[in-house]
C-alpha atoms as a PDB file:
ATOM      1  CA  ASP A   1     -22.728  20.341   4.417  1.00  0.00           C
ATOM      2  CA  VAL A   2     -25.247  18.894   1.969  1.00  0.00           C
ATOM      3  CA  PRO A   3     -29.044  19.227   1.607  1.00  0.00           C
ATOM      4  CA  ASP A   4     -29.636  15.520   2.317  1.00  0.00           C
ATOM      5  CA  ARG A   5     -29.338  15.219   6.120  1.00  0.00           C
ATOM      6  CA  ASN A   6     -29.126  11.403   5.999  1.00  0.00           C
ATOM      7  CA  ILE A   7     -26.026  11.547   3.806  1.00  0.00           C
ATOM      8  CA  GLU A   8     -24.555  14.276   5.994  1.00  0.00           C
ATOM      9  CA  GLU A   9     -25.140  12.242   9.156  1.00  0.00           C
ATOM     10  CA  ILE A  10     -23.533   9.140   7.657  1.00  0.00           C
ATOM     11  CA  TYR A  11     -20.589  11.203   6.396  1.00  0.00           C
ATOM     12  CA  TYR A  12     -19.865  12.657   9.820  1.00  0.00           C
ATOM     13  CA  PHE A  13     -20.373   9.320  11.539  1.00  0.00           C
ATOM     14  CA  ARG A  14     -17.831   7.701   9.228  1.00  0.00           C
ATOM     15  CA  TRP A  15     -15.185  10.249  10.167  1.00  0.00           C
ATOM     16  CA  TYR A  16     -16.216  10.170  13.836  1.00  0.00           C
ATOM     17  CA  SER A  17     -15.558   6.431  13.865  1.00  0.00           C
ATOM     18  CA  PHE A  18     -12.515   6.625  11.583  1.00  0.00           C
ATOM     19  CA  ARG A  19     -10.620   9.009  13.854  1.00  0.00           C
ATOM     20  CA  LYS A  20     -10.947   6.556  16.751  1.00  0.00           C
ATOM     21  CA  HIS A  21      -8.732   4.149  14.813  1.00  0.00           C
ATOM     22  CA  ILE A  22      -5.878   6.555  14.067  1.00  0.00           C
ATOM     23  CA  ARG A  23      -3.312   5.692  16.704  1.00  0.00           C
ATOM     24  CA  LYS A  24       0.213   6.791  17.458  1.00  0.00           C
ATOM     25  CA  SER A  25       2.648   3.898  17.728  1.00  0.00           C
ATOM     26  CA  PRO A  26       6.415   3.788  18.329  1.00  0.00           C
ATOM     27  CA  ASP A  27       6.706   3.222  14.563  1.00  0.00           C
ATOM     28  CA  GLY A  28       4.538   6.230  13.657  1.00  0.00           C
ATOM     29  CA  TRP A  29       0.832   6.677  13.006  1.00  0.00           C
ATOM     30  CA  ILE A  30      -1.150   3.566  12.135  1.00  0.00           C
ATOM     31  CA  ILE A  31      -4.826   2.964  11.439  1.00  0.00           C
ATOM     32  CA  ASP A  32      -6.161  -0.095  13.243  1.00  0.00           C
ATOM     33  CA  GLU A  33      -9.350  -2.068  12.762  1.00  0.00           C
ATOM     34  CA  PHE A  34     -10.577  -2.861  16.283  1.00  0.00           C
ATOM     35  CA  LEU A  35     -10.935  -0.596  19.311  1.00  0.00           C
ATOM     36  CA  ASP A  36     -10.121  -3.494  21.651  1.00  0.00           C
ATOM     37  CA  ASN A  37      -6.995  -5.590  21.310  1.00  0.00           C
ATOM     38  CA  VAL A  38      -7.742  -8.850  19.500  1.00  0.00           C
ATOM     39  CA  ALA A  39      -5.754 -12.057  19.627  1.00  0.00           C
ATOM     40  CA  TRP A  40      -5.511 -12.424  15.852  1.00  0.00           C
ATOM     41  CA  ALA A  41      -3.971  -8.988  15.283  1.00  0.00           C
ATOM     42  CA  GLY A  42      -0.338  -8.187  14.629  1.00  0.00           C
ATOM     43  CA  LYS A  43       1.932  -5.574  16.146  1.00  0.00           C
ATOM     44  CA  PHE A  44       0.118  -2.577  17.688  1.00  0.00           C
ATOM     45  CA  ASN A  45      -3.216  -4.390  17.186  1.00  0.00           C
ATOM     46  CA  SER A  46      -2.760  -3.968  13.436  1.00  0.00           C
ATOM     47  CA  ILE A  47      -4.504  -6.090  10.812  1.00  0.00           C
ATOM     48  CA  ASN A  48      -3.727  -5.700   7.137  1.00  0.00           C
ATOM     49  CA  MET A  49      -7.115  -6.923   5.880  1.00  0.00           C
ATOM     50  CA  ALA A  50      -8.688  -3.451   5.690  1.00  0.00           C
ATOM     51  CA  ALA A  51      -5.462  -1.443   5.329  1.00  0.00           C
ATOM     52  CA  GLU A  52      -6.135  -0.511   1.709  1.00  0.00           C
ATOM     53  CA  ALA A  53      -9.544   0.910   2.650  1.00  0.00           C
ATOM     54  CA  HIS A  54      -8.061   2.779   5.620  1.00  0.00           C
ATOM     55  CA  ILE A  55      -5.315   4.387   3.538  1.00  0.00           C
ATOM     56  CA  ARG A  56      -7.673   5.246   0.685  1.00  0.00           C
ATOM     57  CA  GLU A  57      -9.878   7.083   3.188  1.00  0.00           C
ATOM     58  CA  ALA A  58      -7.012   8.773   5.017  1.00  0.00           C
ATOM     59  CA  ARG A  59      -5.369  10.012   1.803  1.00  0.00           C
ATOM     60  CA  TRP A  60      -8.042  12.732   1.612  1.00  0.00           C
ATOM     61  CA  LEU A  61      -7.235  14.160   5.043  1.00  0.00           C
ATOM     62  CA  ARG A  62      -5.568  17.549   4.994  1.00  0.00           C
ATOM     63  CA  ASP A  63      -2.662  16.077   6.983  1.00  0.00           C
ATOM     64  CA  ALA A  64      -1.250  13.325   4.769  1.00  0.00           C
ATOM     65  CA  ARG A  65       1.086  11.904   7.409  1.00  0.00           C
ATOM     66  CA  TYR A  66      -1.529   9.468   8.761  1.00  0.00           C
ATOM     67  CA  ALA A  67      -1.933   7.716   5.427  1.00  0.00           C
ATOM     68  CA  LYS A  68       1.773   7.934   4.595  1.00  0.00           C
ATOM     69  CA  GLU A  69       2.968   6.514   7.917  1.00  0.00           C
ATOM     70  CA  ASP A  70       0.362   3.756   7.867  1.00  0.00           C
ATOM     71  CA  ALA A  71       1.476   2.784   4.356  1.00  0.00           C
ATOM     72  CA  ALA A  72       5.100   2.827   5.504  1.00  0.00           C
ATOM     73  CA  PHE A  73       4.197   0.496   8.396  1.00  0.00           C
ATOM     74  CA  TRP A  74       2.715  -2.080   6.015  1.00  0.00           C
ATOM     75  CA  CYS A  75       5.782  -1.839   3.795  1.00  0.00           C
ATOM     76  CA  GLY A  76       8.054  -2.349   6.803  1.00  0.00           C
ATOM     77  CA  PRO A  77       9.243  -5.535   8.531  1.00  0.00           C
ATOM     78  CA  ASP A  78       6.496  -5.549  11.181  1.00  0.00           C
ATOM     79  CA  GLY A  79       3.550  -4.959   8.870  1.00  0.00           C
ATOM     80  CA  GLU A  80       2.692  -8.588   8.014  1.00  0.00           C
ATOM     81  CA  ALA A  81       1.275  -7.423   4.685  1.00  0.00           C
ATOM     82  CA  ARG A  82       0.358 -10.983   3.613  1.00  0.00           C
ATOM     83  CA  ARG A  83      -1.521 -12.149   6.703  1.00  0.00           C
ATOM     84  CA  TYR A  84      -4.656 -11.408   4.678  1.00  0.00           C
ATOM     85  CA  SER A  85      -5.014 -10.470   1.023  1.00  0.00           C
ATOM     86  CA  LEU A  86      -4.026  -6.851   0.446  1.00  0.00           C
ATOM     87  CA  ALA A  87      -3.516  -4.760  -2.696  1.00  0.00           C
ATOM     88  CA  LEU A  88      -0.585  -2.948  -1.122  1.00  0.00           C
ATOM     89  CA  ALA A  89       1.179  -1.565  -4.213  1.00  0.00           C
ATOM     90  CA  ASP A  90      -2.061  -0.313  -5.726  1.00  0.00           C
ATOM     91  CA  THR A  91      -2.864   1.420  -2.430  1.00  0.00           C
ATOM     92  CA  VAL A  92       0.541   3.117  -2.346  1.00  0.00           C
ATOM     93  CA  TYR A  93       0.090   4.220  -5.951  1.00  0.00           C
ATOM     94  CA  GLN A  94      -3.336   5.677  -5.159  1.00  0.00           C
ATOM     95  CA  LEU A  95      -1.755   7.497  -2.220  1.00  0.00           C
ATOM     96  CA  TYR A  96       0.821   8.978  -4.590  1.00  0.00           C
ATOM     97  CA  LEU A  97      -1.916  10.099  -7.004  1.00  0.00           C
ATOM     98  CA  SER A  98      -3.744  11.967  -4.246  1.00  0.00           C
ATOM     99  CA  THR A  99      -0.717  13.510  -2.521  1.00  0.00           C
ATOM    100  CA  GLY A 100       1.745  13.917  -5.395  1.00  0.00           C
ATOM    101  CA  ASP A 101       4.504  12.512  -3.181  1.00  0.00           C
ATOM    102  CA  LYS A 102       6.524  10.664  -5.812  1.00  0.00           C
ATOM    103  CA  LYS A 103       9.490  10.151  -3.502  1.00  0.00           C
ATOM    104  CA  LEU A 104       7.352   8.214  -1.027  1.00  0.00           C
ATOM    105  CA  ALA A 105       6.126   5.782  -3.682  1.00  0.00           C
ATOM    106  CA  ILE A 106       9.635   5.292  -5.092  1.00  0.00           C
ATOM    107  CA  ARG A 107      11.061   4.729  -1.618  1.00  0.00           C
ATOM    108  CA  MET A 108       8.530   1.947  -1.047  1.00  0.00           C
ATOM    109  CA  LEU A 109       9.134   0.320  -4.439  1.00  0.00           C
ATOM    110  CA  PRO A 110      11.655  -2.336  -3.251  1.00  0.00           C
ATOM    111  CA  ALA A 111       9.265  -3.418  -0.479  1.00  0.00           C
ATOM    112  CA  LEU A 112       6.360  -3.553  -2.912  1.00  0.00           C
ATOM    113  CA  GLU A 113       8.339  -5.711  -5.336  1.00  0.00           C
ATOM    114  CA  GLY A 114       9.429  -7.968  -2.481  1.00  0.00           C
ATOM    115  CA  ASN A 115       5.850  -8.317  -1.297  1.00  0.00           C
ATOM    116  CA  TYR A 116       4.668  -9.271  -4.793  1.00  0.00           C
ATOM    117  CA  GLU A 117       7.461 -11.804  -5.216  1.00  0.00           C
ATOM    118  CA  ALA A 118       6.565 -13.347  -1.865  1.00  0.00           C
ATOM    119  CA  TRP A 119       2.970 -13.829  -3.051  1.00  0.00           C
ATOM    120  CA  GLU A 120       4.339 -15.473  -6.197  1.00  0.00           C
ATOM    121  CA  SER A 121       6.487 -17.878  -4.177  1.00  0.00           C
ATOM    122  CA  THR A 122       3.716 -19.030  -1.850  1.00  0.00           C
ATOM    123  CA  HIS A 123       0.349 -18.516  -3.596  1.00  0.00           C
ATOM    124  CA  GLN A 124       0.914 -18.722  -7.363  1.00  0.00           C
ATOM    125  CA  ASP A 125       0.498 -22.055  -9.113  1.00  0.00           C
ATOM    126  CA  PRO A 126       2.186 -23.064 -12.391  1.00  0.00           C
ATOM    127  CA  ASN A 127      -0.988 -22.085 -14.297  1.00  0.00           C
ATOM    128  CA  GLY A 128      -0.238 -18.460 -13.386  1.00  0.00           C
ATOM    129  CA  LEU A 129      -3.237 -17.911 -11.105  1.00  0.00           C
ATOM    130  CA  PHE A 130      -3.043 -17.075  -7.409  1.00  0.00           C
ATOM    131  CA  TRP A 131      -4.971 -19.096  -4.840  1.00  0.00           C
ATOM    132  CA  GLN A 132      -6.274 -18.064  -1.457  1.00  0.00           C
ATOM    133  CA  ILE A 133      -8.354 -19.384   1.435  1.00  0.00           C
ATOM    134  CA  ASP A 134     -11.629 -17.478   1.657  1.00  0.00           C
ATOM    135  CA  ASP A 135     -11.017 -16.513   5.296  1.00  0.00           C
ATOM    136  CA  ARG A 136      -7.580 -15.125   4.406  1.00  0.00           C
ATOM    137  CA  ASP A 137      -9.260 -13.133   1.643  1.00  0.00           C
ATOM    138  CA  GLY A 138     -11.185 -11.278   4.329  1.00  0.00           C
ATOM    139  CA  MET A 139     -14.418 -12.990   3.282  1.00  0.00           C
ATOM    140  CA  GLU A 140     -14.827 -15.178   6.392  1.00  0.00           C
ATOM    141  CA  ASP A 141     -16.165 -18.594   5.264  1.00  0.00           C
ATOM    142  CA  SER A 142     -17.829 -17.544   2.041  1.00  0.00           C
ATOM    143  CA  ILE A 143     -19.978 -19.358  -0.479  1.00  0.00           C
ATOM    144  CA  GLY A 144     -17.143 -18.914  -3.001  1.00  0.00           C
ATOM    145  CA  GLY A 145     -14.795 -21.233  -1.148  1.00  0.00           C
ATOM    146  CA  ASP A 146     -11.020 -21.674  -1.419  1.00  0.00           C
ATOM    147  CA  GLY A 147      -9.058 -21.730  -4.646  1.00  0.00           C
ATOM    148  CA  TYR A 148      -8.332 -19.337  -7.498  1.00  0.00           C
ATOM    149  CA  ARG A 149     -10.425 -16.496  -6.146  1.00  0.00           C
ATOM    150  CA  PRO A 150     -11.230 -13.424  -8.286  1.00  0.00           C
ATOM    151  CA  THR A 151     -10.390 -11.200  -5.316  1.00  0.00           C
ATOM    152  CA  ILE A 152      -6.747 -12.178  -4.669  1.00  0.00           C
ATOM    153  CA  ASN A 153      -6.054 -12.334  -8.397  1.00  0.00           C
ATOM    154  CA  SER A 154      -7.576  -8.892  -8.954  1.00  0.00           C
ATOM    155  CA  TYR A 155      -5.574  -7.456  -6.064  1.00  0.00           C
ATOM    156  CA  LEU A 156      -2.338  -8.797  -7.497  1.00  0.00           C
ATOM    157  CA  TYR A 157      -3.237  -7.651 -11.006  1.00  0.00           C
ATOM    158  CA  GLY A 158      -3.674  -4.168  -9.538  1.00  0.00           C
ATOM    159  CA  ASP A 159      -0.409  -4.500  -7.617  1.00  0.00           C
ATOM    160  CA  ALA A 160       1.564  -5.549 -10.711  1.00  0.00           C
ATOM    161  CA  LEU A 161       0.147  -2.616 -12.665  1.00  0.00           C
ATOM    162  CA  ALA A 162       0.917  -0.213  -9.812  1.00  0.00           C
ATOM    163  CA  ILE A 163       4.488  -1.486  -9.440  1.00  0.00           C
ATOM    164  CA  SER A 164       4.961  -1.003 -13.169  1.00  0.00           C
ATOM    165  CA  ARG A 165       3.804   2.601 -12.894  1.00  0.00           C
ATOM    166  CA  ILE A 166       5.879   3.338  -9.803  1.00  0.00           C
ATOM    167  CA  ALA A 167       8.915   1.818 -11.528  1.00  0.00           C
ATOM    168  CA  GLU A 168       8.293   4.223 -14.413  1.00  0.00           C
ATOM    169  CA  LEU A 169       8.352   7.100 -11.913  1.00  0.00           C
ATOM    170  CA  ALA A 170      11.676   5.756 -10.650  1.00  0.00           C
ATOM    171  CA  GLY A 171      13.101   5.488 -14.169  1.00  0.00           C
ATOM    172  CA  ASP A 172      13.418   1.706 -13.911  1.00  0.00           C
ATOM    173  CA  ARG A 173      12.239   0.694 -17.383  1.00  0.00           C
ATOM    174  CA  GLU A 174      13.131  -2.954 -16.955  1.00  0.00           C
ATOM    175  CA  ALA A 175      10.971  -3.371 -13.850  1.00  0.00           C
ATOM    176  CA  ALA A 176       8.187  -1.308 -15.417  1.00  0.00           C
ATOM    177  CA  SER A 177       8.135  -3.606 -18.448  1.00  0.00           C
ATOM    178  CA  ARG A 178       8.399  -6.803 -16.406  1.00  0.00           C
ATOM    179  CA  TYR A 179       5.550  -5.927 -14.054  1.00  0.00           C
ATOM    180  CA  GLY A 180       3.468  -4.547 -16.884  1.00  0.00           C
ATOM    181  CA  ALA A 181       3.759  -7.960 -18.547  1.00  0.00           C
ATOM    182  CA  LYS A 182       2.800  -9.703 -15.292  1.00  0.00           C
ATOM    183  CA  ALA A 183      -0.306  -7.521 -15.067  1.00  0.00           C
ATOM    184  CA  ALA A 184      -1.312  -8.199 -18.665  1.00  0.00           C
ATOM    185  CA  THR A 185      -0.875 -11.961 -18.271  1.00  0.00           C
ATOM    186  CA  LEU A 186      -2.807 -12.088 -15.019  1.00  0.00           C
ATOM    187  CA  ARG A 187      -5.646 -10.022 -16.445  1.00  0.00           C
ATOM    188  CA  GLU A 188      -5.959 -12.418 -19.361  1.00  0.00           C
ATOM    189  CA  LEU A 189      -6.063 -15.381 -16.965  1.00  0.00           C
ATOM    190  CA  ILE A 190      -8.742 -13.732 -14.829  1.00  0.00           C
ATOM    191  CA  GLU A 191     -10.872 -13.016 -17.896  1.00  0.00           C
ATOM    192  CA  SER A 192     -10.421 -16.454 -19.438  1.00  0.00           C
ATOM    193  CA  ARG A 193     -10.384 -18.702 -16.356  1.00  0.00           C
ATOM    194  CA  LEU A 194     -12.446 -16.983 -13.663  1.00  0.00           C
ATOM    195  CA  TRP A 195     -15.269 -15.462 -15.729  1.00  0.00           C
ATOM    196  CA  ASN A 196     -18.376 -17.644 -15.949  1.00  0.00           C
ATOM    197  CA  PRO A 197     -20.234 -16.584 -19.123  1.00  0.00           C
ATOM    198  CA  GLN A 198     -23.383 -18.475 -18.115  1.00  0.00           C
ATOM    199  CA  ALA A 199     -23.620 -16.749 -14.738  1.00  0.00           C
ATOM    200  CA  GLU A 200     -22.086 -13.529 -16.142  1.00  0.00           C
ATOM    201  CA  PHE A 201     -19.952 -13.302 -13.016  1.00  0.00           C
ATOM    202  CA  TYR A 202     -16.402 -13.945 -11.849  1.00  0.00           C
ATOM    203  CA  GLU A 203     -16.247 -17.110  -9.768  1.00  0.00           C
ATOM    204  CA  THR A 204     -13.752 -19.004  -7.647  1.00  0.00           C
ATOM    205  CA  VAL A 205     -12.250 -22.020  -9.414  1.00  0.00           C
ATOM    206  CA  PRO A 206     -10.979 -24.873  -7.198  1.00  0.00           C
ATOM    207  CA  ARG A 207      -7.274 -25.629  -7.458  1.00  0.00           C
END
């Protein structure tokens, strides 16, 4: 309860609506995006586009299983974690920071590395930057357009950094160093290639 009734009302409405999207599936608890089934969804009406936001919200629930099982779904074979852009490893790392469940993060590490490598194989050009279609970035048809978008590159910078930190938890120094280097390189590319000093803003660069 807070003195500002507008904030309190919004807070309770958010959780009122959020709980409607926590659903039990044969693969465990998942958090979906639409109340009705939609044709563009994946298994169990799941869509990965907002999964990071869902898990970051659910990690504060007293019962951590909703966030943990949803994260496990996206790391599993049916999750389709690359249908839309998604900072999956960073989300798992944030879940670890809030729950302290180191074993969960380490268990997901191979899937997180595999997911990152799949992005590299399909969406990374020789210049080191990742490209994405604006619609697949969850931005619908935006003014930014397709190409080397700040969003997808920032997500994968965060993922590389998170994988490095999870690898450290697992005692895998080689992977920690390798992904730490990937993160550092990508950050430098974002700062040097996607920052427009005249506009003082990060902008999409066409391929």
